[in-house]
Amino acid sequence: MSVESMFNLSGKTALVTGSSRGLGRGFALCLAKAGADVAVTSRSKDALESIVSEIEALGRRCIPIAMDVRKEESIVEGVTVAEESLGRIDILVNNAGCNVRKPADEVTWEDWNLILDTNLRGAFFVAQKVAKGMVSRKYGRIINIGSVTSVAGYAGLGPYGASRGGTRQLTMSLAAEWGPAGVTVNCLAPGWFKTAQNAVLYENEEWVSYLSDKIPLRRPGAPGDLDGALLFLASDASAYVSGQILLVDGGISVNDTRALPPD
């Protein structure tokens, strides 16, 4: 197999949750550029219009699906639509997530449930539903999106860190369970990237400078920095890689991990 064919996703199908904006949008575009047809999801189907247009302009099929990963019936219906529309799902990118940035003593019961229900419970039940088809076909790539908080703790991110640490452990468990059926399960863990959830932080130049000093590569993540890792985990190049966490964080996880200020 040539190097080019290893990363070629032509003929493959993918489902990317939480793909109307931010990292999820980038993941969906990356897979489409590599040749995959893609089902994209958001709680609002209208929010997916622009990403659908962009992917279709690449000559790929794109299926918009309204899905709320906090609701079991929405997951079941959404995955069913994706499978019926695309024929099957070869690649799952479990990206849907949220955060509430607060000091630990201000976190409410509702805050905790929102974050864990979205980031951890939702990821498990989407994977469970998608894996049924993968296991029956003896092939699948599941990529759970984690975070540098999967391996390091930061002030103001207690529930979020708990959810992302759980994502790492969940990844290993599912890899052990579904590996015999030819399904790989890995965790792609970004470091500090500007998204809609944390954009307000990046408006503070002093904070960005402080953050950059903590990162060995001396900058936050930029658009495209995750593409190579995503394609590796989604393609045949990673056929013998499962149960792993791949940190794409500029090196911050091996440097000074003292807490960054929450705002």
C-alpha atoms as a PDB file:
ATOM      1  CA  MET A   1       0.000   0.000   0.000  1.00  0.00           C
ATOM      2  CA  SER A   2       1.385   3.413  -1.001  1.00  0.00           C
ATOM      3  CA  VAL A   3       1.671   6.279   1.450  1.00  0.00           C
ATOM      4  CA  GLU A   4      -0.923   8.209  -0.536  1.00  0.00           C
ATOM      5  CA  SER A   5      -3.464   5.394  -0.450  1.00  0.00           C
ATOM      6  CA  MET A   6      -2.979   4.917   3.296  1.00  0.00           C
ATOM      7  CA  PHE A   7      -4.494   8.332   3.978  1.00  0.00           C
ATOM      8  CA  ASN A   8      -7.023   8.308   1.133  1.00  0.00           C
ATOM      9  CA  LEU A   9     -10.620   8.143   2.410  1.00  0.00           C
ATOM     10  CA  SER A  10     -12.287   7.807  -0.993  1.00  0.00           C
ATOM     11  CA  GLY A  11     -15.242   5.461  -0.704  1.00  0.00           C
ATOM     12  CA  LYS A  12     -15.410   5.897   3.070  1.00  0.00           C
ATOM     13  CA  THR A  13     -18.279   7.432   5.019  1.00  0.00           C
ATOM     14  CA  ALA A  14     -18.065   9.453   8.212  1.00  0.00           C
ATOM     15  CA  LEU A  15     -20.261  10.880  10.949  1.00  0.00           C
ATOM     16  CA  VAL A  16     -18.987  13.963  12.781  1.00  0.00           C
ATOM     17  CA  THR A  17     -21.039  15.131  15.748  1.00  0.00           C
ATOM     18  CA  GLY A  18     -21.141  18.789  16.728  1.00  0.00           C
ATOM     19  CA  SER A  19     -19.895  19.919  13.336  1.00  0.00           C
ATOM     20  CA  SER A  20     -21.639  23.225  12.667  1.00  0.00           C
ATOM     21  CA  ARG A  21     -18.679  25.287  13.909  1.00  0.00           C
ATOM     22  CA  GLY A  22     -15.261  25.208  15.544  1.00  0.00           C
ATOM     23  CA  LEU A  23     -13.138  22.080  15.621  1.00  0.00           C
ATOM     24  CA  GLY A  24     -16.016  19.839  14.506  1.00  0.00           C
ATOM     25  CA  ARG A  25     -16.507  21.869  11.363  1.00  0.00           C
ATOM     26  CA  GLY A  26     -12.809  21.550  10.624  1.00  0.00           C
ATOM     27  CA  PHE A  27     -12.919  17.791  11.191  1.00  0.00           C
ATOM     28  CA  ALA A  28     -15.811  17.363   8.750  1.00  0.00           C
ATOM     29  CA  LEU A  29     -14.057  19.414   6.070  1.00  0.00           C
ATOM     30  CA  CYS A  30     -10.787  17.547   6.559  1.00  0.00           C
ATOM     31  CA  LEU A  31     -12.442  14.148   6.062  1.00  0.00           C
ATOM     32  CA  ALA A  32     -14.315  15.387   2.997  1.00  0.00           C
ATOM     33  CA  LYS A  33     -11.113  16.771   1.453  1.00  0.00           C
ATOM     34  CA  ALA A  34      -9.561  13.328   1.937  1.00  0.00           C
ATOM     35  CA  GLY A  35     -12.424  11.776  -0.042  1.00  0.00           C
ATOM     36  CA  ALA A  36     -15.065  10.766   2.519  1.00  0.00           C
ATOM     37  CA  ASP A  37     -18.788  11.411   2.340  1.00  0.00           C
ATOM     38  CA  VAL A  38     -19.856  12.992   5.612  1.00  0.00           C
ATOM     39  CA  ALA A  39     -22.916  13.218   7.856  1.00  0.00           C
ATOM     40  CA  VAL A  40     -22.750  16.347  10.022  1.00  0.00           C
ATOM     41  CA  THR A  41     -24.787  17.048  13.134  1.00  0.00           C
ATOM     42  CA  SER A  42     -25.907  19.922  15.304  1.00  0.00           C
ATOM     43  CA  ARG A  43     -28.837  20.485  17.622  1.00  0.00           C
ATOM     44  CA  SER A  44     -30.146  22.849  14.940  1.00  0.00           C
ATOM     45  CA  LYS A  45     -30.235  21.575  11.369  1.00  0.00           C
ATOM     46  CA  ASP A  46     -30.275  25.170  10.094  1.00  0.00           C
ATOM     47  CA  ALA A  47     -26.844  25.712  11.637  1.00  0.00           C
ATOM     48  CA  LEU A  48     -25.411  23.133   9.226  1.00  0.00           C
ATOM     49  CA  GLU A  49     -26.312  24.898   5.962  1.00  0.00           C
ATOM     50  CA  SER A  50     -22.908  26.466   5.363  1.00  0.00           C
ATOM     51  CA  ILE A  51     -20.856  23.349   6.156  1.00  0.00           C
ATOM     52  CA  VAL A  52     -23.091  21.267   3.878  1.00  0.00           C
ATOM     53  CA  SER A  53     -22.564  23.729   1.038  1.00  0.00           C
ATOM     54  CA  GLU A  54     -18.813  23.756   1.567  1.00  0.00           C
ATOM     55  CA  ILE A  55     -18.503  19.966   1.581  1.00  0.00           C
ATOM     56  CA  GLU A  56     -20.762  19.534  -1.441  1.00  0.00           C
ATOM     57  CA  ALA A  57     -18.591  22.054  -3.292  1.00  0.00           C
ATOM     58  CA  LEU A  58     -15.743  19.570  -2.823  1.00  0.00           C
ATOM     59  CA  GLY A  59     -17.762  16.982  -4.736  1.00  0.00           C
ATOM     60  CA  ARG A  60     -18.611  14.944  -1.659  1.00  0.00           C
ATOM     61  CA  ARG A  61     -22.005  14.006  -0.237  1.00  0.00           C
ATOM     62  CA  CYS A  62     -22.975  15.741   2.993  1.00  0.00           C
ATOM     63  CA  ILE A  63     -25.990  14.813   5.107  1.00  0.00           C
ATOM     64  CA  PRO A  64     -27.205  17.369   7.700  1.00  0.00           C
ATOM     65  CA  ILE A  65     -28.749  15.825  10.809  1.00  0.00           C
ATOM     66  CA  ALA A  66     -30.372  17.420  13.846  1.00  0.00           C
ATOM     67  CA  MET A  67     -28.961  15.578  16.864  1.00  0.00           C
ATOM     68  CA  ASP A  68     -28.834  16.382  20.564  1.00  0.00           C
ATOM     69  CA  VAL A  69     -26.389  13.968  22.178  1.00  0.00           C
ATOM     70  CA  ARG A  70     -27.986  14.574  25.575  1.00  0.00           C
ATOM     71  CA  LYS A  71     -31.110  12.741  24.386  1.00  0.00           C
ATOM     72  CA  GLU A  72     -31.063   9.021  23.667  1.00  0.00           C
ATOM     73  CA  GLU A  73     -33.884   9.124  21.136  1.00  0.00           C
ATOM     74  CA  SER A  74     -32.125  11.893  19.206  1.00  0.00           C
ATOM     75  CA  ILE A  75     -28.937   9.807  19.007  1.00  0.00           C
ATOM     76  CA  VAL A  76     -30.819   6.741  17.789  1.00  0.00           C
ATOM     77  CA  GLU A  77     -32.743   8.719  15.176  1.00  0.00           C
ATOM     78  CA  GLY A  78     -29.688  10.669  14.028  1.00  0.00           C
ATOM     79  CA  VAL A  79     -27.416   7.657  13.583  1.00  0.00           C
ATOM     80  CA  THR A  80     -30.193   5.801  11.786  1.00  0.00           C
ATOM     81  CA  VAL A  81     -30.599   8.681   9.319  1.00  0.00           C
ATOM     82  CA  ALA A  82     -26.827   8.775   8.731  1.00  0.00           C
ATOM     83  CA  GLU A  83     -26.637   5.036   8.089  1.00  0.00           C
ATOM     84  CA  GLU A  84     -29.648   5.013   5.783  1.00  0.00           C
ATOM     85  CA  SER A  85     -28.410   8.059   3.849  1.00  0.00           C
ATOM     86  CA  LEU A  86     -24.768   6.993   3.481  1.00  0.00           C
ATOM     87  CA  GLY A  87     -25.285   3.226   3.490  1.00  0.00           C
ATOM     88  CA  ARG A  88     -23.003   2.719   6.489  1.00  0.00           C
ATOM     89  CA  ILE A  89     -20.673   4.637   8.814  1.00  0.00           C
ATOM     90  CA  ASP A  90     -16.985   3.764   8.521  1.00  0.00           C
ATOM     91  CA  ILE A  91     -15.639   6.617  10.644  1.00  0.00           C
ATOM     92  CA  LEU A  92     -17.129   8.253  13.736  1.00  0.00           C
ATOM     93  CA  VAL A  93     -15.723  11.491  15.121  1.00  0.00           C
ATOM     94  CA  ASN A  94     -17.304  11.951  18.552  1.00  0.00           C
ATOM     95  CA  ASN A  95     -16.834  15.703  18.780  1.00  0.00           C
ATOM     96  CA  ALA A  96     -20.015  17.190  20.293  1.00  0.00           C
ATOM     97  CA  GLY A  97     -19.128  18.879  23.563  1.00  0.00           C
ATOM     98  CA  CYS A  98     -19.659  21.825  25.858  1.00  0.00           C
ATOM     99  CA  ASN A  99     -18.087  23.570  28.824  1.00  0.00           C
ATOM    100  CA  VAL A 100     -19.058  25.821  31.723  1.00  0.00           C
ATOM    101  CA  ARG A 101     -16.014  27.687  33.015  1.00  0.00           C
ATOM    102  CA  LYS A 102     -16.386  28.351  36.771  1.00  0.00           C
ATOM    103  CA  PRO A 103     -14.461  28.013  40.026  1.00  0.00           C
ATOM    104  CA  ALA A 104     -15.206  24.628  41.580  1.00  0.00           C
ATOM    105  CA  ASP A 105     -17.173  26.122  44.479  1.00  0.00           C
ATOM    106  CA  GLU A 106     -19.553  27.844  42.052  1.00  0.00           C
ATOM    107  CA  VAL A 107     -20.358  24.835  39.853  1.00  0.00           C
ATOM    108  CA  THR A 108     -24.036  23.902  40.085  1.00  0.00           C
ATOM    109  CA  TRP A 109     -25.676  20.494  39.860  1.00  0.00           C
ATOM    110  CA  GLU A 110     -27.083  21.547  36.495  1.00  0.00           C
ATOM    111  CA  ASP A 111     -23.636  22.643  35.236  1.00  0.00           C
ATOM    112  CA  TRP A 112     -22.182  19.235  36.088  1.00  0.00           C
ATOM    113  CA  ASN A 113     -25.009  17.334  34.408  1.00  0.00           C
ATOM    114  CA  LEU A 114     -24.847  19.480  31.258  1.00  0.00           C
ATOM    115  CA  ILE A 115     -21.120  18.897  30.783  1.00  0.00           C
ATOM    116  CA  LEU A 116     -20.969  15.212  31.671  1.00  0.00           C
ATOM    117  CA  ASP A 117     -24.191  14.345  29.831  1.00  0.00           C
ATOM    118  CA  THR A 118     -22.889  16.016  26.669  1.00  0.00           C
ATOM    119  CA  ASN A 119     -19.192  15.201  26.675  1.00  0.00           C
ATOM    120  CA  LEU A 120     -19.130  11.729  28.205  1.00  0.00           C
ATOM    121  CA  ARG A 121     -22.534  10.073  28.263  1.00  0.00           C
ATOM    122  CA  GLY A 122     -23.358  11.403  24.804  1.00  0.00           C
ATOM    123  CA  ALA A 123     -20.079  10.171  23.353  1.00  0.00           C
ATOM    124  CA  PHE A 124     -20.633   6.690  24.768  1.00  0.00           C
ATOM    125  CA  PHE A 125     -24.134   6.258  23.408  1.00  0.00           C
ATOM    126  CA  VAL A 126     -23.280   7.640  19.968  1.00  0.00           C
ATOM    127  CA  ALA A 127     -20.366   5.182  19.821  1.00  0.00           C
ATOM    128  CA  GLN A 128     -22.584   2.363  21.047  1.00  0.00           C
ATOM    129  CA  LYS A 129     -25.142   2.961  18.317  1.00  0.00           C
ATOM    130  CA  VAL A 130     -22.592   3.411  15.513  1.00  0.00           C
ATOM    131  CA  ALA A 131     -20.433   0.468  16.607  1.00  0.00           C
ATOM    132  CA  LYS A 132     -23.232  -2.032  16.038  1.00  0.00           C
ATOM    133  CA  GLY A 133     -22.859  -1.633  12.290  1.00  0.00           C
ATOM    134  CA  MET A 134     -19.068  -1.453  12.461  1.00  0.00           C
ATOM    135  CA  VAL A 135     -18.827  -4.663  14.453  1.00  0.00           C
ATOM    136  CA  SER A 136     -21.125  -6.500  12.060  1.00  0.00           C
ATOM    137  CA  ARG A 137     -18.963  -5.393   9.093  1.00  0.00           C
ATOM    138  CA  LYS A 138     -15.688  -6.065  10.956  1.00  0.00           C
ATOM    139  CA  TYR A 139     -14.400  -2.563  10.250  1.00  0.00           C
ATOM    140  CA  GLY A 140     -14.574   0.837  11.896  1.00  0.00           C
ATOM    141  CA  ARG A 141     -12.660   3.877  13.090  1.00  0.00           C
ATOM    142  CA  ILE A 142     -13.966   5.652  16.194  1.00  0.00           C
ATOM    143  CA  ILE A 143     -12.236   8.869  17.188  1.00  0.00           C
ATOM    144  CA  ASN A 144     -13.298  10.344  20.510  1.00  0.00           C
ATOM    145  CA  ILE A 145     -12.331  13.989  20.882  1.00  0.00           C
ATOM    146  CA  GLY A 146     -10.679  14.576  24.225  1.00  0.00           C
ATOM    147  CA  SER A 147      -8.490  17.426  25.410  1.00  0.00           C
ATOM    148  CA  VAL A 148      -5.224  18.204  27.114  1.00  0.00           C
ATOM    149  CA  THR A 149      -7.464  18.144  30.206  1.00  0.00           C
ATOM    150  CA  SER A 150      -7.687  14.390  29.641  1.00  0.00           C
ATOM    151  CA  VAL A 151      -4.187  14.209  31.154  1.00  0.00           C
ATOM    152  CA  ALA A 152      -3.710  17.474  33.063  1.00  0.00           C
ATOM    153  CA  GLY A 153      -5.747  19.491  35.536  1.00  0.00           C
ATOM    154  CA  TYR A 154      -6.608  23.173  35.208  1.00  0.00           C
ATOM    155  CA  ALA A 155      -8.349  25.540  37.607  1.00  0.00           C
ATOM    156  CA  GLY A 156     -11.906  26.421  36.652  1.00  0.00           C
ATOM    157  CA  LEU A 157     -12.348  23.272  34.565  1.00  0.00           C
ATOM    158  CA  GLY A 158     -13.333  20.640  37.140  1.00  0.00           C
ATOM    159  CA  PRO A 159     -16.384  19.070  35.465  1.00  0.00           C
ATOM    160  CA  TYR A 160     -14.894  19.534  31.997  1.00  0.00           C
ATOM    161  CA  GLY A 161     -11.654  17.840  33.042  1.00  0.00           C
ATOM    162  CA  ALA A 162     -13.644  15.016  34.632  1.00  0.00           C
ATOM    163  CA  SER A 163     -15.540  14.505  31.379  1.00  0.00           C
ATOM    164  CA  ARG A 164     -12.371  14.514  29.271  1.00  0.00           C
ATOM    165  CA  GLY A 165     -10.515  12.215  31.636  1.00  0.00           C
ATOM    166  CA  GLY A 166     -13.507   9.929  31.340  1.00  0.00           C
ATOM    167  CA  THR A 167     -13.262  10.136  27.555  1.00  0.00           C
ATOM    168  CA  ARG A 168      -9.732   8.786  27.724  1.00  0.00           C
ATOM    169  CA  GLN A 169     -10.745   5.862  29.957  1.00  0.00           C
ATOM    170  CA  LEU A 170     -13.828   5.171  27.837  1.00  0.00           C
ATOM    171  CA  THR A 171     -11.635   5.038  24.740  1.00  0.00           C
ATOM    172  CA  MET A 172      -9.435   2.338  26.231  1.00  0.00           C
ATOM    173  CA  SER A 173     -12.397   0.258  27.386  1.00  0.00           C
ATOM    174  CA  LEU A 174     -14.162   0.387  24.015  1.00  0.00           C
ATOM    175  CA  ALA A 175     -10.910  -0.380  22.188  1.00  0.00           C
ATOM    176  CA  ALA A 176     -10.536  -3.536  24.253  1.00  0.00           C
ATOM    177  CA  GLU A 177     -14.143  -4.557  23.666  1.00  0.00           C
ATOM    178  CA  TRP A 178     -14.511  -3.867  19.954  1.00  0.00           C
ATOM    179  CA  GLY A 179     -10.959  -4.522  18.799  1.00  0.00           C
ATOM    180  CA  PRO A 180     -11.568  -8.226  18.082  1.00  0.00           C
ATOM    181  CA  ALA A 181     -14.216  -7.129  15.571  1.00  0.00           C
ATOM    182  CA  GLY A 182     -11.780  -4.915  13.656  1.00  0.00           C
ATOM    183  CA  VAL A 183     -12.921  -1.601  15.178  1.00  0.00           C
ATOM    184  CA  THR A 184     -10.245   0.797  16.412  1.00  0.00           C
ATOM    185  CA  VAL A 185     -11.082   3.362  19.079  1.00  0.00           C
ATOM    186  CA  ASN A 186      -8.713   6.242  19.797  1.00  0.00           C
ATOM    187  CA  CYS A 187      -8.781   9.627  21.497  1.00  0.00           C
ATOM    188  CA  LEU A 188      -7.618  12.774  19.696  1.00  0.00           C
ATOM    189  CA  ALA A 189      -6.779  15.323  22.376  1.00  0.00           C
ATOM    190  CA  PRO A 190      -6.283  18.950  21.277  1.00  0.00           C
ATOM    191  CA  GLY A 191      -4.456  21.434  23.433  1.00  0.00           C
ATOM    192  CA  TRP A 192      -5.399  25.100  23.548  1.00  0.00           C
ATOM    193  CA  PHE A 193      -7.269  26.026  20.351  1.00  0.00           C
ATOM    194  CA  LYS A 194      -9.491  29.074  19.899  1.00  0.00           C
ATOM    195  CA  THR A 195     -13.141  28.016  19.581  1.00  0.00           C
ATOM    196  CA  ALA A 196     -16.539  29.622  20.079  1.00  0.00           C
ATOM    197  CA  GLN A 197     -16.556  28.263  23.637  1.00  0.00           C
ATOM    198  CA  ASN A 198     -13.343  29.972  24.705  1.00  0.00           C
ATOM    199  CA  ALA A 199     -13.056  32.861  22.236  1.00  0.00           C
ATOM    200  CA  VAL A 200     -13.420  35.444  24.993  1.00  0.00           C
ATOM    201  CA  LEU A 201     -10.131  34.273  26.522  1.00  0.00           C
ATOM    202  CA  TYR A 202      -8.237  35.009  23.316  1.00  0.00           C
ATOM    203  CA  GLU A 203      -9.400  38.625  23.369  1.00  0.00           C
ATOM    204  CA  ASN A 204      -7.008  39.131  26.283  1.00  0.00           C
ATOM    205  CA  GLU A 205      -3.555  39.575  24.744  1.00  0.00           C
ATOM    206  CA  GLU A 206      -1.848  39.263  28.120  1.00  0.00           C
ATOM    207  CA  TRP A 207      -3.527  35.896  28.685  1.00  0.00           C
ATOM    208  CA  VAL A 208      -2.555  34.671  25.196  1.00  0.00           C
ATOM    209  CA  SER A 209       1.033  35.664  25.886  1.00  0.00           C
ATOM    210  CA  TYR A 210       0.944  33.846  29.227  1.00  0.00           C
ATOM    211  CA  LEU A 211      -0.528  30.758  27.557  1.00  0.00           C
ATOM    212  CA  SER A 212       2.032  30.802  24.756  1.00  0.00           C
ATOM    213  CA  ASP A 213       4.857  30.884  27.290  1.00  0.00           C
ATOM    214  CA  LYS A 214       3.551  27.601  28.722  1.00  0.00           C
ATOM    215  CA  ILE A 215       3.552  25.878  25.310  1.00  0.00           C
ATOM    216  CA  PRO A 216       6.939  24.621  24.062  1.00  0.00           C
ATOM    217  CA  LEU A 217       6.014  25.578  20.482  1.00  0.00           C
ATOM    218  CA  ARG A 218       5.133  29.053  21.818  1.00  0.00           C
ATOM    219  CA  ARG A 219       1.678  29.436  20.275  1.00  0.00           C
ATOM    220  CA  PRO A 220      -1.878  28.160  20.661  1.00  0.00           C
ATOM    221  CA  GLY A 221      -3.222  25.702  18.115  1.00  0.00           C
ATOM    222  CA  ALA A 222      -4.177  27.042  14.686  1.00  0.00           C
ATOM    223  CA  PRO A 223      -6.698  25.848  12.060  1.00  0.00           C
ATOM    224  CA  GLY A 224      -5.279  22.818  10.312  1.00  0.00           C
ATOM    225  CA  ASP A 225      -3.006  21.714  13.155  1.00  0.00           C
ATOM    226  CA  LEU A 226      -5.327  18.781  13.900  1.00  0.00           C
ATOM    227  CA  ASP A 227      -5.837  17.602  10.314  1.00  0.00           C
ATOM    228  CA  GLY A 228      -2.843  15.262  10.093  1.00  0.00           C
ATOM    229  CA  ALA A 229      -3.657  13.518  13.360  1.00  0.00           C
ATOM    230  CA  LEU A 230      -7.320  13.184  12.422  1.00  0.00           C
ATOM    231  CA  LEU A 231      -6.526  11.647   9.043  1.00  0.00           C
ATOM    232  CA  PHE A 232      -4.042   9.266  10.633  1.00  0.00           C
ATOM    233  CA  LEU A 233      -6.644   7.951  13.094  1.00  0.00           C
ATOM    234  CA  ALA A 234      -9.432   7.843  10.479  1.00  0.00           C
ATOM    235  CA  SER A 235      -7.442   6.034   7.795  1.00  0.00           C
ATOM    236  CA  ASP A 236      -5.706   2.730   7.170  1.00  0.00           C
ATOM    237  CA  ALA A 237      -2.453   4.348   8.293  1.00  0.00           C
ATOM    238  CA  SER A 238      -3.537   3.642  11.885  1.00  0.00           C
ATOM    239  CA  ALA A 239      -4.809   0.102  11.305  1.00  0.00           C
ATOM    240  CA  TYR A 240      -2.727  -1.228  14.227  1.00  0.00           C
ATOM    241  CA  VAL A 241      -3.346   1.674  16.601  1.00  0.00           C
ATOM    242  CA  SER A 242      -6.169   1.399  19.138  1.00  0.00           C
ATOM    243  CA  GLY A 243      -6.944   2.514  22.677  1.00  0.00           C
ATOM    244  CA  GLN A 244      -4.493   5.398  22.449  1.00  0.00           C
ATOM    245  CA  ILE A 245      -4.621   9.101  23.223  1.00  0.00           C
ATOM    246  CA  LEU A 246      -2.937  11.339  20.653  1.00  0.00           C
ATOM    247  CA  LEU A 247      -2.193  14.756  22.115  1.00  0.00           C
ATOM    248  CA  VAL A 248      -1.908  17.617  19.628  1.00  0.00           C
ATOM    249  CA  ASP A 249      -1.064  20.373  22.058  1.00  0.00           C
ATOM    250  CA  GLY A 250       2.196  22.027  21.068  1.00  0.00           C
ATOM    251  CA  GLY A 251       3.876  20.155  23.917  1.00  0.00           C
ATOM    252  CA  ILE A 252       2.060  21.815  26.822  1.00  0.00           C
ATOM    253  CA  SER A 253       1.249  18.438  28.396  1.00  0.00           C
ATOM    254  CA  VAL A 254       4.953  17.718  28.893  1.00  0.00           C
ATOM    255  CA  ASN A 255       5.862  21.196  30.066  1.00  0.00           C
ATOM    256  CA  ASP A 256       4.734  23.254  33.071  1.00  0.00           C
ATOM    257  CA  THR A 257       1.224  21.976  33.863  1.00  0.00           C
ATOM    258  CA  ARG A 258       0.432  24.386  36.684  1.00  0.00           C
ATOM    259  CA  ALA A 259      -3.081  25.715  36.412  1.00  0.00           C
ATOM    260  CA  LEU A 260      -3.796  28.356  33.807  1.00  0.00           C
ATOM    261  CA  PRO A 261      -6.152  31.122  34.921  1.00  0.00           C
ATOM    262  CA  PRO A 262      -9.760  30.387  33.948  1.00  0.00           C
ATOM    263  CA  ASP A 263     -10.314  33.885  32.553  1.00  0.00           C
END
